[in-house]
């Protein structure tokens, strides 16, 4: 288990984002992940991510406040606990048009060249996981 405390989460500055405070919660400089990374973004009133294509499959989940997402010719307002899935290459923009900050959880797939080539085998049940961990213990 690897924990990232929010107060220690590294900040990052994605291109074409203005007025947005971004922190990496898991993945990249916050610690290794295999298939995705997770960030937290706070969009101040008037903040935006200008139109650009998503580099990888992306999910935004609004935690508080609201943002307007424009993608694929549609404009949608997302509010607390709404989410949107954007396939790789989707031209999108995000904007906080409200008078309150908006907090968003960002989940993005790792680029294929950074994904782990050899994933560890996964136990299909909790019992199998326990048995596997028992087999990994050194014998006395």
C-alpha atoms as a PDB file:
ATOM      1  CA  UNK A   1       0.000   0.000   0.000  1.00  0.00           C
ATOM      2  CA  UNK A   2       1.275   3.470  -0.880  1.00  0.00           C
ATOM      3  CA  UNK A   3      -0.367   6.568   0.593  1.00  0.00           C
ATOM      4  CA  UNK A   4      -0.029  10.099  -0.715  1.00  0.00           C
ATOM      5  CA  UNK A   5      -1.075  12.701   1.823  1.00  0.00           C
ATOM      6  CA  UNK A   6      -2.752  15.609   0.084  1.00  0.00           C
ATOM      7  CA  UNK A   7      -0.457  18.073   1.854  1.00  0.00           C
ATOM      8  CA  UNK A   8       2.548  16.255   0.360  1.00  0.00           C
ATOM      9  CA  UNK A   9       1.108  15.689  -3.130  1.00  0.00           C
ATOM     10  CA  UNK A  10       3.392  17.246  -5.745  1.00  0.00           C
ATOM     11  CA  UNK A  11       1.950  20.061  -7.810  1.00  0.00           C
ATOM     12  CA  UNK A  12       2.174  20.050 -11.572  1.00  0.00           C
ATOM     13  CA  UNK A  13       1.302  22.516 -14.343  1.00  0.00           C
ATOM     14  CA  UNK A  14      -0.487  20.954 -17.307  1.00  0.00           C
ATOM     15  CA  UNK A  15      -0.243  22.898 -20.556  1.00  0.00           C
ATOM     16  CA  UNK A  16      -3.137  25.190 -21.561  1.00  0.00           C
ATOM     17  CA  UNK A  17      -4.542  25.337 -17.987  1.00  0.00           C
ATOM     18  CA  UNK A  18      -5.021  28.802 -16.477  1.00  0.00           C
ATOM     19  CA  UNK A  19      -6.171  29.472 -12.918  1.00  0.00           C
ATOM     20  CA  UNK A  20      -6.044  25.757 -12.076  1.00  0.00           C
ATOM     21  CA  UNK A  21      -4.143  24.324  -9.082  1.00  0.00           C
ATOM     22  CA  UNK A  22      -3.158  20.719  -9.890  1.00  0.00           C
ATOM     23  CA  UNK A  23      -1.695  18.068  -7.604  1.00  0.00           C
ATOM     24  CA  UNK A  24      -0.638  14.549  -8.439  1.00  0.00           C
ATOM     25  CA  UNK A  25      -2.117  12.028  -5.987  1.00  0.00           C
ATOM     26  CA  UNK A  26      -0.849   8.783  -7.545  1.00  0.00           C
ATOM     27  CA  UNK A  27       1.403   8.024 -10.489  1.00  0.00           C
ATOM     28  CA  UNK A  28       4.319   9.842 -12.098  1.00  0.00           C
ATOM     29  CA  UNK A  29       6.161  11.937  -9.487  1.00  0.00           C
ATOM     30  CA  UNK A  30       3.703  10.890  -6.727  1.00  0.00           C
ATOM     31  CA  UNK A  31       4.775   7.249  -7.036  1.00  0.00           C
ATOM     32  CA  UNK A  32       4.629   4.476  -9.594  1.00  0.00           C
ATOM     33  CA  UNK A  33       1.381   3.122 -11.021  1.00  0.00           C
ATOM     34  CA  UNK A  34       0.985   0.723 -13.930  1.00  0.00           C
ATOM     35  CA  UNK A  35      -2.168   1.656 -15.833  1.00  0.00           C
ATOM     36  CA  UNK A  36      -3.285   5.139 -14.781  1.00  0.00           C
ATOM     37  CA  UNK A  37      -2.482   8.213 -12.723  1.00  0.00           C
ATOM     38  CA  UNK A  38      -4.735  10.281 -10.450  1.00  0.00           C
ATOM     39  CA  UNK A  39      -4.718  14.003  -9.869  1.00  0.00           C
ATOM     40  CA  UNK A  40      -6.749  16.637  -8.083  1.00  0.00           C
ATOM     41  CA  UNK A  41      -7.501  19.964  -9.741  1.00  0.00           C
ATOM     42  CA  UNK A  42      -9.073  23.076  -8.259  1.00  0.00           C
ATOM     43  CA  UNK A  43     -10.575  25.390 -10.864  1.00  0.00           C
ATOM     44  CA  UNK A  44     -10.953  28.872  -9.436  1.00  0.00           C
ATOM     45  CA  UNK A  45     -13.842  30.982 -10.816  1.00  0.00           C
ATOM     46  CA  UNK A  46     -12.988  31.781 -14.434  1.00  0.00           C
ATOM     47  CA  UNK A  47     -10.275  29.110 -14.618  1.00  0.00           C
ATOM     48  CA  UNK A  48     -10.066  26.918 -17.670  1.00  0.00           C
ATOM     49  CA  UNK A  49      -8.323  24.191 -19.574  1.00  0.00           C
ATOM     50  CA  UNK A  50      -8.314  25.417 -23.166  1.00  0.00           C
ATOM     51  CA  UNK A  51      -9.453  23.147 -25.982  1.00  0.00           C
ATOM     52  CA  UNK A  52      -6.958  20.379 -26.663  1.00  0.00           C
ATOM     53  CA  UNK A  53      -7.164  16.647 -27.340  1.00  0.00           C
ATOM     54  CA  UNK A  54      -6.938  14.216 -24.460  1.00  0.00           C
ATOM     55  CA  UNK A  55      -3.629  12.401 -24.777  1.00  0.00           C
ATOM     56  CA  UNK A  56      -5.035   9.266 -23.163  1.00  0.00           C
ATOM     57  CA  UNK A  57      -8.367   7.945 -21.918  1.00  0.00           C
ATOM     58  CA  UNK A  58      -9.545  10.387 -19.216  1.00  0.00           C
ATOM     59  CA  UNK A  59     -12.196  10.557 -16.490  1.00  0.00           C
ATOM     60  CA  UNK A  60     -13.109  13.731 -14.593  1.00  0.00           C
ATOM     61  CA  UNK A  61     -15.178  13.439 -11.413  1.00  0.00           C
ATOM     62  CA  UNK A  62     -16.391  16.698  -9.884  1.00  0.00           C
ATOM     63  CA  UNK A  63     -16.025  16.587  -6.099  1.00  0.00           C
ATOM     64  CA  UNK A  64     -17.457  20.036  -5.387  1.00  0.00           C
ATOM     65  CA  UNK A  65     -18.575  23.073  -7.334  1.00  0.00           C
ATOM     66  CA  UNK A  66     -19.309  22.875 -11.034  1.00  0.00           C
ATOM     67  CA  UNK A  67     -17.495  23.015 -14.363  1.00  0.00           C
ATOM     68  CA  UNK A  68     -18.566  23.180 -17.983  1.00  0.00           C
ATOM     69  CA  UNK A  69     -17.016  20.531 -20.222  1.00  0.00           C
ATOM     70  CA  UNK A  70     -17.181  20.957 -23.994  1.00  0.00           C
ATOM     71  CA  UNK A  71     -16.370  17.850 -26.030  1.00  0.00           C
ATOM     72  CA  UNK A  72     -17.526  16.240 -29.250  1.00  0.00           C
ATOM     73  CA  UNK A  73     -19.800  19.170 -30.055  1.00  0.00           C
ATOM     74  CA  UNK A  74     -21.611  18.982 -26.697  1.00  0.00           C
ATOM     75  CA  UNK A  75     -21.504  21.355 -23.735  1.00  0.00           C
ATOM     76  CA  UNK A  76     -22.372  19.864 -20.339  1.00  0.00           C
ATOM     77  CA  UNK A  77     -22.330  21.300 -16.835  1.00  0.00           C
ATOM     78  CA  UNK A  78     -20.978  18.825 -14.290  1.00  0.00           C
ATOM     79  CA  UNK A  79     -21.765  19.215 -10.599  1.00  0.00           C
ATOM     80  CA  UNK A  80     -20.707  17.378  -7.435  1.00  0.00           C
ATOM     81  CA  UNK A  81     -20.224  13.646  -8.064  1.00  0.00           C
ATOM     82  CA  UNK A  82     -20.970  13.917 -11.798  1.00  0.00           C
ATOM     83  CA  UNK A  83     -18.296  12.399 -14.001  1.00  0.00           C
ATOM     84  CA  UNK A  84     -17.354  12.324 -17.656  1.00  0.00           C
ATOM     85  CA  UNK A  85     -15.356   9.769 -19.650  1.00  0.00           C
ATOM     86  CA  UNK A  86     -13.314  11.093 -22.570  1.00  0.00           C
ATOM     87  CA  UNK A  87     -11.726   8.618 -24.981  1.00  0.00           C
ATOM     88  CA  UNK A  88      -8.161   9.226 -26.113  1.00  0.00           C
ATOM     89  CA  UNK A  89      -7.947  12.035 -28.674  1.00  0.00           C
ATOM     90  CA  UNK A  90     -11.202  13.763 -27.679  1.00  0.00           C
ATOM     91  CA  UNK A  91     -10.990  17.519 -28.243  1.00  0.00           C
ATOM     92  CA  UNK A  92     -12.205  18.978 -24.949  1.00  0.00           C
ATOM     93  CA  UNK A  93     -12.194  22.126 -22.840  1.00  0.00           C
ATOM     94  CA  UNK A  94     -13.075  22.625 -19.172  1.00  0.00           C
ATOM     95  CA  UNK A  95     -14.153  25.902 -17.588  1.00  0.00           C
ATOM     96  CA  UNK A  96     -15.429  27.086 -14.225  1.00  0.00           C
ATOM     97  CA  UNK A  97     -18.068  29.678 -15.087  1.00  0.00           C
ATOM     98  CA  UNK A  98     -19.419  29.836 -11.533  1.00  0.00           C
ATOM     99  CA  UNK A  99     -18.495  32.145  -8.661  1.00  0.00           C
ATOM    100  CA  UNK A 100     -17.195  29.247  -6.508  1.00  0.00           C
ATOM    101  CA  UNK A 101     -14.082  27.062  -6.822  1.00  0.00           C
ATOM    102  CA  UNK A 102     -14.587  23.611  -8.341  1.00  0.00           C
ATOM    103  CA  UNK A 103     -12.673  20.544  -7.194  1.00  0.00           C
ATOM    104  CA  UNK A 104     -12.110  17.696  -9.673  1.00  0.00           C
ATOM    105  CA  UNK A 105     -10.597  14.234  -9.354  1.00  0.00           C
ATOM    106  CA  UNK A 106      -8.709  13.452 -12.576  1.00  0.00           C
ATOM    107  CA  UNK A 107      -7.943   9.878 -13.658  1.00  0.00           C
ATOM    108  CA  UNK A 108      -5.910   9.373 -16.822  1.00  0.00           C
ATOM    109  CA  UNK A 109      -4.565   6.199 -18.414  1.00  0.00           C
ATOM    110  CA  UNK A 110      -0.809   5.951 -18.622  1.00  0.00           C
ATOM    111  CA  UNK A 111       0.585   6.354 -22.119  1.00  0.00           C
ATOM    112  CA  UNK A 112       1.117   2.904 -23.605  1.00  0.00           C
ATOM    113  CA  UNK A 113       4.898   3.387 -23.682  1.00  0.00           C
ATOM    114  CA  UNK A 114       4.903   3.910 -19.882  1.00  0.00           C
ATOM    115  CA  UNK A 115       2.559   1.056 -18.945  1.00  0.00           C
ATOM    116  CA  UNK A 116       4.103  -1.937 -17.277  1.00  0.00           C
ATOM    117  CA  UNK A 117       4.812  -4.647 -19.839  1.00  0.00           C
ATOM    118  CA  UNK A 118       4.757  -7.450 -17.304  1.00  0.00           C
ATOM    119  CA  UNK A 119       1.826  -7.111 -14.987  1.00  0.00           C
ATOM    120  CA  UNK A 120       1.899  -9.212 -11.873  1.00  0.00           C
ATOM    121  CA  UNK A 121      -0.561 -12.104 -11.867  1.00  0.00           C
ATOM    122  CA  UNK A 122      -3.690 -11.270  -9.944  1.00  0.00           C
ATOM    123  CA  UNK A 123      -5.384 -13.555  -7.468  1.00  0.00           C
ATOM    124  CA  UNK A 124      -8.995 -14.230  -8.406  1.00  0.00           C
ATOM    125  CA  UNK A 125     -10.268 -14.482  -4.816  1.00  0.00           C
ATOM    126  CA  UNK A 126      -9.211 -13.224  -1.376  1.00  0.00           C
ATOM    127  CA  UNK A 127      -8.343 -16.813  -0.436  1.00  0.00           C
ATOM    128  CA  UNK A 128      -6.085 -17.122  -3.487  1.00  0.00           C
ATOM    129  CA  UNK A 129      -4.425 -13.823  -2.600  1.00  0.00           C
ATOM    130  CA  UNK A 130      -3.783 -15.060   0.945  1.00  0.00           C
ATOM    131  CA  UNK A 131      -2.373 -18.345  -0.367  1.00  0.00           C
ATOM    132  CA  UNK A 132      -0.098 -16.459  -2.760  1.00  0.00           C
ATOM    133  CA  UNK A 133       1.184 -14.234   0.031  1.00  0.00           C
ATOM    134  CA  UNK A 134       1.788 -17.288   2.235  1.00  0.00           C
ATOM    135  CA  UNK A 135       3.929 -18.783  -0.571  1.00  0.00           C
ATOM    136  CA  UNK A 136       6.018 -15.616  -0.761  1.00  0.00           C
ATOM    137  CA  UNK A 137       7.047 -15.726   2.895  1.00  0.00           C
ATOM    138  CA  UNK A 138      10.577 -16.972   3.531  1.00  0.00           C
ATOM    139  CA  UNK A 139      10.797 -20.330   5.231  1.00  0.00           C
ATOM    140  CA  UNK A 140      12.422 -20.342   8.668  1.00  0.00           C
END
